[in-house]
Structure formats: C-alpha cells, structure tokens
Amino acid sequence: MAAKGKRTRSGAQEAEPTFDERLARLEELVREMESGELGLESAIERYQEGVGLLKACRGVLDGYRRQVEELGADAESSLEPYAGDPDAGHGED
C-alpha cells in the first residue's frame, strides 16, 4: 500500500501530517488570530486552514474511536467464562 500524502513539485511523496502536528498547527493559528495583529485577508486564510485542520483531526479521532470500540467488543467477547469456572457468576454482589 502506498503512503498517504501530497506530491511535491519534484514528484516525491510528502508525508501526511500526524494528528499531533495538525493539532499544534491549529493551536498556532488560534494564537495568531487571537493576537489581533492579522489583517482581514490573513485572518480569513488562517480561519480556512483551521477549518480544514479541524475536519482532519475529527476524522482521525473518529477512526481511533471506532478502533477502540472494536477492540473493546473483541475483548468482551473473549472474556466468556469457561465451563466449570468456579468464579463465574460471583462478581455480582
């Protein structure tokens, strides 16, 4: 499977930013906009970039949430007591 990412002008594959890198950039954009030192056009550009980063972060989090739910379901199904388990049914006091 090929790595995800953008192609550079030279045709090389550029790595997709990680969740933490996206989040750090989003925090940086917020600080820049909250500083009040940006012009309107610059603020709008950063806002647009931030919206894209937010969507990407939410997508990553949704994927991780599904993974955790699947792992939890797998763990629950594998925790069935075996026949003759003396502790089975004693956890409800």
Foldseek 3Di string as FASTA:
>chain_A
DDADADADPVRDGDHDDDLVVLVVLLVVLVVVLVVVPDDPVVNVVSVVSNVVSVVVNVVVVVVVVVVVVVVVVVVVVVPDDDPPPPCPPVPPD
